Amino acid sequence: DPIEVLDEIEAILGIACSPMNWPLGWGRDFKGVYDLINDVIVCYESGHSNHRTEYVRISGIKSAEAKNFLATDYQKIVDEIELVKGASHIFDEESFLSGDLTPVFFGTALGNFGVKEMLEAFIIHAPPPQPRDTNKRLVHPTESRFSGFVFKIQANMDPKHRDRIAFLRVCSGSYHQGMRMHHVRLKKDIKVSDAVTFLAGEREQATHAYPGDIIGLHNHGTIQIGDTFTEGNTDRFQGIPNFAPELFRIVRVKDPLKTKQLEKGLLQLSEEGASQVFRPFRNNDMIVGAVGILQFDLVAFRLREEYRADCLYETTNIYSVRWIECTDDKMLSDFRNRNQDNLGLDGGGHLAYLAPTRANLQLVQERWPDISFLNTREH
């Protein structure tokens, strides 16, 4: 029941729902949707599969044409719509942009019905590209020089080619095919001629992209989440945190001959953010860190299916992890020498303290007050 759907969204997600259209029946009795804002019935017709179709539209729920279309269900549907209008939240753009209210659309994605209306509303109401903060200043989308940052990396999008795609959001200026970008972290310029755009499972060559657009860069291991690309300047976008995991497991490979596949898979999955990997200095263990228990199942599945490396998990005595920062090189060197047994590197090569207990973590923080123990770090 659509009213129950709205109630469930509000109860679980804690966000008010404002229906923009309403289903006229459901299941086999589905007749279409009624546009609550524009007083228009969009008539559903089966048999078009997922092809784009211009469906019949009837203006006015009280029109003779609407009465004829809805037939014996007319009065019941009119009463239900009156109830919905009186009981539901009125759409307010400020509440939507602040995240307090969501518009709700009904339709069938499999039949490509109702999708067009949702996308058109998205174009009207979605916020434009916003200014983004860097380590030096605020970058506005109206600036002429290109800039963007990588917010996601996905491995094996095409299993036949074992590719890795870095998803880059354009923040200012524009991308054009063959342009040169400055990779801020690596301090080097690269020429990008093969960026791609995505639509569901399809991809095509990107010739141009503008602020708010997302393009995919082919990644051969040199691009990380949080990397900034610009048209020459060295501003670096901020605000993509890496959180300290709460659960830890030692991961072993079932077949020792697959050790290289295991290491490669774990490092690539950690690049994506699917999990985090830590390598203690005291041994050769590879430790997977996760926020939720299901992440371990996901990692094991992807290692088996994508890297042909079946793995086993073993318990470890790690209580928590903190990333280490210190501006004093001598102090950092002393800290590393005295705490070698509890130190290691994460998948990105950052120094981390692997605390066996809460008491141990508190004690080492008290002994080294000038060392920063961070539970988040910028990507």
Protein backbone atom coordinates (compact mmCIF):
# COMPACT_ATOMS: atom_id res chain seq x y z
CA ASP A 1 0.00 0.00 0.00
CA PRO A 2 1.54 3.37 -1.02
CA ILE A 3 0.52 5.07 2.23
CA GLU A 4 2.32 2.35 4.19
CA VAL A 5 5.40 2.90 2.00
CA LEU A 6 5.42 6.60 2.90
CA ASP A 7 4.96 5.81 6.60
CA GLU A 8 7.85 3.36 6.51
CA ILE A 9 10.18 5.88 4.83
CA GLU A 10 9.31 8.53 7.41
CA ALA A 11 9.67 6.16 10.36
CA ILE A 12 12.94 4.48 9.35
CA LEU A 13 14.79 7.26 7.51
CA GLY A 14 13.40 10.11 9.62
CA ILE A 15 12.56 12.26 6.61
CA ALA A 16 9.18 13.74 5.65
CA CYS A 17 7.62 12.50 2.39
CA SER A 18 5.85 14.67 -0.15
CA PRO A 19 4.20 12.60 -2.91
CA MET A 20 4.50 14.33 -6.28
CA ASN A 21 2.25 11.83 -8.02
CA TRP A 22 -0.01 9.01 -6.90
CA PRO A 23 -0.52 5.50 -8.30
CA LEU A 24 -3.94 4.73 -9.76
CA GLY A 25 -4.27 1.15 -8.59
CA TRP A 26 -1.35 -1.32 -8.38
CA GLY A 27 -0.37 -4.77 -9.58
CA ARG A 28 -2.51 -5.94 -12.48
CA ASP A 29 -4.99 -3.14 -11.79
CA PHE A 30 -2.36 -0.41 -12.24
CA LYS A 31 -3.82 2.26 -14.54
CA GLY A 32 -1.17 4.96 -14.30
CA VAL A 33 -0.26 7.86 -12.02
CA TYR A 34 -1.91 11.13 -11.13
CA ASP A 35 0.33 14.22 -11.09
CA LEU A 36 -0.69 15.92 -7.84
CA ILE A 37 1.07 19.16 -8.75
CA ASN A 38 -0.20 19.69 -12.32
CA ASP A 39 -3.57 17.84 -12.09
CA VAL A 40 -2.70 15.45 -14.93
CA ILE A 41 -3.28 11.70 -15.29
CA VAL A 42 -0.54 9.80 -17.12
CA CYS A 43 -2.15 6.62 -18.50
CA TYR A 44 -0.15 3.41 -18.26
CA GLU A 45 -0.15 0.95 -21.12
CA SER A 46 1.58 -2.42 -20.84
CA GLY A 47 3.63 -4.09 -23.53
CA HIS A 48 6.26 -1.39 -24.10
CA SER A 49 8.90 -3.12 -21.97
CA ASN A 50 11.71 -0.65 -21.13
CA HIS A 51 11.42 1.35 -24.36
CA ARG A 52 10.71 5.07 -24.16
CA THR A 53 7.04 5.70 -24.87
CA GLU A 54 4.87 8.80 -24.98
CA TYR A 55 1.93 7.77 -22.82
CA VAL A 56 -1.51 9.33 -23.08
CA ARG A 57 -2.05 12.26 -20.68
CA ILE A 58 -5.42 13.45 -19.41
CA SER A 59 -5.74 16.97 -18.01
CA GLY A 60 -7.95 17.31 -14.92
CA ILE A 61 -9.02 14.57 -12.52
CA LYS A 62 -12.60 15.91 -12.72
CA SER A 63 -12.75 15.89 -16.51
CA ALA A 64 -15.14 13.65 -18.43
CA GLU A 65 -12.15 11.97 -20.05
CA ALA A 66 -10.75 11.06 -16.60
CA LYS A 67 -14.11 9.67 -15.47
CA ASN A 68 -14.33 7.56 -18.60
CA PHE A 69 -10.74 6.29 -18.19
CA LEU A 70 -11.09 5.34 -14.52
CA ALA A 71 -14.61 3.94 -15.00
CA THR A 72 -15.95 2.18 -11.88
CA ASP A 73 -12.82 3.02 -9.87
CA TYR A 74 -13.27 6.76 -10.37
CA GLN A 75 -14.94 7.72 -7.09
CA LYS A 76 -12.68 5.50 -4.99
CA ILE A 77 -9.56 7.03 -6.59
CA VAL A 78 -10.84 10.61 -6.20
CA ASP A 79 -11.54 9.99 -2.49
CA GLU A 80 -8.07 8.48 -2.01
CA ILE A 81 -6.39 11.44 -3.72
CA GLU A 82 -8.31 13.91 -1.53
CA LEU A 83 -7.13 11.98 1.53
CA VAL A 84 -3.53 12.03 0.32
CA LYS A 85 -3.62 15.76 -0.38
CA GLY A 86 -4.96 16.47 3.09
CA ALA A 87 -2.69 14.13 5.03
CA SER A 88 0.67 14.40 3.24
CA HIS A 89 3.39 17.04 3.44
CA ILE A 90 3.33 19.85 0.89
CA PHE A 91 6.51 19.98 -1.18
CA ASP A 92 8.82 22.77 -0.05
CA GLU A 93 12.10 23.34 -1.88
CA GLU A 94 13.95 24.72 1.15
CA SER A 95 13.05 21.65 3.22
CA PHE A 96 14.12 19.42 0.33
CA LEU A 97 17.50 21.14 -0.05
CA SER A 98 18.12 21.00 3.70
CA GLY A 99 17.43 17.25 3.75
CA ASP A 100 14.28 17.41 5.87
CA LEU A 101 11.83 16.41 3.13
CA THR A 102 11.92 14.19 0.06
CA PRO A 103 9.66 14.20 -2.99
CA VAL A 104 8.23 10.75 -3.76
CA PHE A 105 7.41 9.47 -7.25
CA PHE A 106 5.53 6.32 -8.18
CA GLY A 107 5.97 4.34 -11.37
CA THR A 108 7.63 1.23 -12.74
CA ALA A 109 11.29 1.33 -13.70
CA LEU A 110 11.04 -2.02 -15.50
CA GLY A 111 8.34 -0.57 -17.73
CA ASN A 112 10.13 2.79 -18.04
CA PHE A 113 6.97 4.46 -16.78
CA GLY A 114 7.20 7.41 -14.39
CA VAL A 115 10.98 7.65 -14.77
CA LYS A 116 10.81 10.63 -17.12
CA GLU A 117 8.69 12.64 -14.68
CA MET A 118 11.09 11.92 -11.83
CA LEU A 119 14.12 12.99 -13.88
CA GLU A 120 12.41 16.18 -15.05
CA ALA A 121 11.61 17.10 -11.44
CA PHE A 122 15.20 16.32 -10.48
CA ILE A 123 16.41 18.81 -13.11
CA ILE A 124 14.09 21.49 -11.72
CA HIS A 125 14.64 21.02 -7.99
CA ALA A 126 18.13 19.55 -7.54
CA PRO A 127 20.69 22.09 -6.29
CA PRO A 128 23.28 23.43 -8.75
CA PRO A 129 26.98 22.61 -8.25
CA GLN A 130 28.19 24.14 -4.98
CA PRO A 131 31.50 25.78 -4.02
CA ARG A 132 34.06 23.29 -2.69
CA ASP A 133 36.64 23.83 0.03
CA THR A 134 40.34 23.25 -0.58
CA ASN A 135 43.39 23.50 1.66
CA LYS A 136 43.84 27.12 0.46
CA ARG A 137 40.50 28.60 -0.57
CA LEU A 138 36.92 28.06 -1.73
CA VAL A 139 36.61 26.96 -5.37
CA HIS A 140 33.47 28.21 -7.13
CA PRO A 141 31.86 26.28 -10.00
CA THR A 142 31.81 29.44 -12.13
CA GLU A 143 35.62 29.62 -12.28
CA SER A 144 37.09 29.12 -15.74
CA ARG A 145 40.01 26.85 -14.79
CA PHE A 146 39.34 23.12 -14.53
CA SER A 147 39.38 21.36 -11.16
CA GLY A 148 37.88 18.16 -9.78
CA PHE A 149 38.41 15.43 -7.20
CA VAL A 150 38.19 11.63 -7.11
CA PHE A 151 35.51 10.38 -4.72
CA LYS A 152 35.32 6.70 -5.67
CA ILE A 153 37.41 3.96 -7.22
CA GLN A 154 35.85 0.79 -8.60
CA ALA A 155 37.89 -2.25 -9.57
CA ASN A 156 36.86 -4.84 -12.16
CA MET A 157 33.94 -2.91 -13.64
CA ASP A 158 34.76 -4.88 -16.78
CA PRO A 159 35.88 -8.32 -15.46
CA LYS A 160 37.32 -9.25 -18.87
CA HIS A 161 39.89 -6.48 -18.68
CA ARG A 162 40.47 -6.19 -14.90
CA ASP A 163 40.10 -2.44 -15.19
CA ARG A 164 39.99 0.13 -12.41
CA ILE A 165 37.99 3.31 -12.85
CA ALA A 166 38.45 6.45 -10.76
CA PHE A 167 35.26 8.52 -10.57
CA LEU A 168 36.07 12.24 -10.76
CA ARG A 169 33.59 15.01 -10.01
CA VAL A 170 34.17 18.21 -11.99
CA CYS A 171 34.08 21.21 -9.61
CA SER A 172 34.99 24.13 -11.88
CA GLY A 173 35.90 24.89 -15.47
CA SER A 174 35.33 22.15 -18.02
CA TYR A 175 36.88 18.93 -19.24
CA HIS A 176 37.53 18.35 -22.92
CA GLN A 177 38.96 15.27 -24.54
CA GLY A 178 42.76 15.29 -24.73
CA MET A 179 43.28 18.03 -22.12
CA ARG A 180 46.23 18.05 -19.73
CA MET A 181 45.47 17.80 -16.01
CA HIS A 182 47.76 18.40 -13.05
CA HIS A 183 47.70 15.54 -10.52
CA VAL A 184 48.23 17.56 -7.33
CA ARG A 185 49.35 14.73 -5.02
CA LEU A 186 51.91 13.33 -7.49
CA LYS A 187 52.88 16.82 -8.72
CA LYS A 188 52.80 15.73 -12.35
CA ASP A 189 50.82 16.56 -15.48
CA ILE A 190 48.93 13.89 -17.39
CA LYS A 191 47.07 13.93 -20.70
CA VAL A 192 43.56 12.48 -20.51
CA SER A 193 42.11 11.29 -23.80
CA ASP A 194 40.05 8.29 -22.71
CA ALA A 195 37.74 9.56 -19.93
CA VAL A 196 34.34 7.88 -19.93
CA THR A 197 30.79 8.66 -18.81
CA PHE A 198 28.30 6.17 -17.43
CA LEU A 199 24.63 5.32 -17.80
CA ALA A 200 23.68 2.27 -15.73
CA GLY A 201 25.88 -0.56 -17.06
CA GLU A 202 26.86 1.28 -20.22
CA ARG A 203 29.82 3.57 -20.76
CA GLU A 204 30.89 5.83 -23.57
CA GLN A 205 33.74 8.22 -24.38
CA ALA A 206 33.46 11.59 -22.64
CA THR A 207 34.18 14.52 -24.94
CA HIS A 208 33.12 17.33 -22.58
CA ALA A 209 32.15 17.64 -18.91
CA TYR A 210 31.13 20.58 -16.74
CA PRO A 211 30.78 21.36 -12.99
CA GLY A 212 28.59 18.73 -11.37
CA ASP A 213 29.36 16.11 -14.03
CA ILE A 214 31.14 12.86 -13.17
CA ILE A 215 33.68 11.27 -15.48
CA GLY A 216 35.68 8.07 -15.17
CA LEU A 217 39.47 8.00 -15.46
CA HIS A 218 41.30 4.75 -16.18
CA ASN A 219 43.42 4.04 -13.14
CA HIS A 220 46.58 1.94 -13.21
CA GLY A 221 47.25 2.23 -9.50
CA THR A 222 48.38 5.86 -9.40
CA ILE A 223 45.01 7.46 -8.49
CA GLN A 224 43.56 7.36 -4.97
CA ILE A 225 40.29 8.49 -3.42
CA GLY A 226 40.62 12.19 -2.55
CA ASP A 227 43.09 12.98 -5.34
CA THR A 228 42.67 16.43 -6.87
CA PHE A 229 43.14 17.23 -10.56
CA THR A 230 43.45 20.82 -11.74
CA GLU A 231 44.45 22.90 -14.73
CA GLY A 232 47.77 23.86 -13.19
CA ASN A 233 47.17 25.14 -9.64
CA THR A 234 48.02 23.17 -6.50
CA ASP A 235 44.80 23.59 -4.51
CA ARG A 236 43.74 20.30 -2.94
CA PHE A 237 40.08 19.52 -2.20
CA GLN A 238 39.24 18.44 1.33
CA GLY A 239 36.36 16.79 3.10
CA ILE A 240 36.64 13.10 2.14
CA PRO A 241 37.39 11.38 5.45
CA ASN A 242 38.66 7.85 6.07
CA PHE A 243 37.20 6.53 9.34
CA ALA A 244 39.02 4.19 11.71
CA PRO A 245 37.48 0.69 11.46
CA GLU A 246 35.95 -0.99 14.49
CA LEU A 247 36.34 -4.68 13.60
CA PHE A 248 39.54 -6.50 12.61
CA ARG A 249 40.48 -9.89 11.16
CA ILE A 250 43.73 -11.45 9.99
CA VAL A 251 43.21 -12.72 6.45
CA ARG A 252 44.94 -15.83 5.11
CA VAL A 253 44.80 -17.35 1.65
CA LYS A 254 43.75 -21.03 1.41
CA ASP A 255 46.19 -21.77 -1.40
CA PRO A 256 49.69 -20.36 -0.69
CA LEU A 257 50.26 -20.11 -4.46
CA LYS A 258 47.56 -17.43 -4.54
CA THR A 259 49.34 -15.11 -2.09
CA LYS A 260 50.07 -12.47 -4.73
CA GLN A 261 46.44 -12.45 -5.88
CA LEU A 262 45.35 -12.01 -2.26
CA GLU A 263 47.67 -9.06 -1.69
CA LYS A 264 46.71 -7.40 -4.96
CA GLY A 265 43.00 -7.90 -4.29
CA LEU A 266 43.15 -6.55 -0.73
CA LEU A 267 45.07 -3.45 -1.77
CA GLN A 268 42.71 -2.72 -4.66
CA LEU A 269 39.63 -3.24 -2.48
CA SER A 270 41.09 -0.93 0.15
CA GLU A 271 41.61 1.71 -2.57
CA GLU A 272 37.87 1.52 -3.24
CA GLY A 273 37.00 1.93 0.43
CA ALA A 274 35.31 -1.50 0.57
CA SER A 275 37.54 -2.24 3.56
CA GLN A 276 40.84 -1.11 5.05
CA VAL A 277 44.08 -3.05 5.13
CA PHE A 278 46.87 -2.79 7.69
CA ARG A 279 50.30 -4.43 7.63
CA PRO A 280 52.01 -4.58 11.07
CA PHE A 281 55.76 -4.02 11.20
CA ARG A 282 56.24 -6.96 13.57
CA ASN A 283 55.11 -9.67 11.10
CA ASN A 284 53.83 -10.29 7.60
CA ASP A 285 50.14 -10.49 8.53
CA MET A 286 47.55 -8.67 6.45
CA ILE A 287 44.78 -7.32 8.65
CA VAL A 288 41.42 -6.29 7.26
CA GLY A 289 39.55 -3.56 9.12
CA ALA A 290 35.82 -2.97 8.69
CA VAL A 291 33.04 -0.87 10.18
CA GLY A 292 30.42 -3.64 9.90
CA ILE A 293 30.64 -7.43 9.99
CA LEU A 294 29.12 -7.83 6.51
CA GLN A 295 32.14 -6.09 4.98
CA PHE A 296 34.22 -9.20 5.73
CA ASP A 297 31.77 -11.35 3.74
CA LEU A 298 31.88 -8.85 0.87
CA VAL A 299 35.69 -8.84 0.80
CA ALA A 300 35.85 -12.66 0.87
CA PHE A 301 33.32 -12.90 -1.97
CA ARG A 302 35.11 -10.39 -4.18
CA LEU A 303 38.51 -11.95 -3.50
CA ARG A 304 37.13 -15.32 -4.58
CA GLU A 305 35.14 -14.13 -7.61
CA GLU A 306 37.39 -11.38 -8.97
CA TYR A 307 40.89 -12.39 -7.88
CA ARG A 308 40.55 -16.20 -7.59
CA ALA A 309 41.90 -16.07 -4.05
CA ASP A 310 39.85 -17.99 -1.47
CA CYS A 311 40.58 -16.66 1.99
CA LEU A 312 40.10 -17.50 5.65
CA TYR A 313 39.73 -15.10 8.57
CA GLU A 314 41.42 -15.39 11.94
CA THR A 315 40.85 -13.33 15.06
CA THR A 316 43.35 -10.70 16.09
CA ASN A 317 43.92 -8.83 19.34
CA ILE A 318 43.57 -5.34 17.82
CA TYR A 319 41.14 -3.11 19.72
CA SER A 320 41.36 0.01 17.56
CA VAL A 321 43.51 1.89 15.06
CA ARG A 322 44.73 5.48 15.10
CA TRP A 323 46.65 7.27 12.37
CA ILE A 324 49.84 8.95 13.53
CA GLU A 325 50.86 12.51 12.74
CA CYS A 326 53.77 14.53 14.12
CA THR A 327 55.60 17.58 12.77
CA ASP A 328 58.75 16.84 14.82
CA ASP A 329 60.80 14.31 12.83
CA LYS A 330 63.03 13.36 15.76
CA MET A 331 60.06 12.77 18.06
CA LEU A 332 58.34 10.69 15.38
CA SER A 333 61.49 8.60 14.93
CA ASP A 334 61.71 7.99 18.72
CA PHE A 335 58.03 7.06 18.80
CA ARG A 336 58.48 4.56 15.97
CA ASN A 337 61.50 2.94 17.64
CA ARG A 338 59.78 2.51 21.02
CA ASN A 339 56.41 1.32 19.70
CA GLN A 340 57.51 -0.86 16.79
CA ASP A 341 55.41 -3.83 17.95
CA ASN A 342 52.17 -1.87 17.67
CA LEU A 343 52.82 0.09 14.49
CA GLY A 344 52.06 -0.64 10.85
CA LEU A 345 51.04 0.89 7.53
CA ASP A 346 47.59 1.08 6.01
CA GLY A 347 46.86 0.36 2.36
CA GLY A 348 47.84 3.89 1.39
CA GLY A 349 51.20 3.75 3.18
CA HIS A 350 50.12 5.90 6.17
CA LEU A 351 51.56 5.18 9.60
CA ALA A 352 49.01 3.72 12.03
CA TYR A 353 49.05 2.64 15.68
CA LEU A 354 47.37 -0.77 16.19
CA ALA A 355 46.18 -0.66 19.79
CA PRO A 356 45.59 -4.05 21.47
CA THR A 357 43.36 -2.58 24.23
CA ARG A 358 41.65 0.66 25.21
CA ALA A 359 43.98 0.97 28.21
CA ASN A 360 47.02 0.59 25.96
CA LEU A 361 45.75 3.33 23.63
CA GLN A 362 45.09 5.72 26.52
CA LEU A 363 48.50 5.02 28.04
CA VAL A 364 50.45 5.65 24.83
CA GLN A 365 48.52 8.86 24.22
CA GLU A 366 49.42 10.08 27.72
CA ARG A 367 53.10 9.19 27.21
CA TRP A 368 53.28 10.96 23.84
CA PRO A 369 51.13 14.09 24.22
CA ASP A 370 52.74 15.82 21.22
CA ILE A 371 51.88 12.95 18.85
CA SER A 372 48.47 13.17 17.14
CA PHE A 373 46.42 9.95 17.28
CA LEU A 374 43.71 10.46 14.65
CA ASN A 375 40.55 8.38 14.28
CA THR A 376 39.94 9.89 10.84
CA ARG A 377 42.26 11.00 8.10
CA GLU A 378 41.78 12.76 4.82
CA HIS A 379 41.91 10.46 1.80
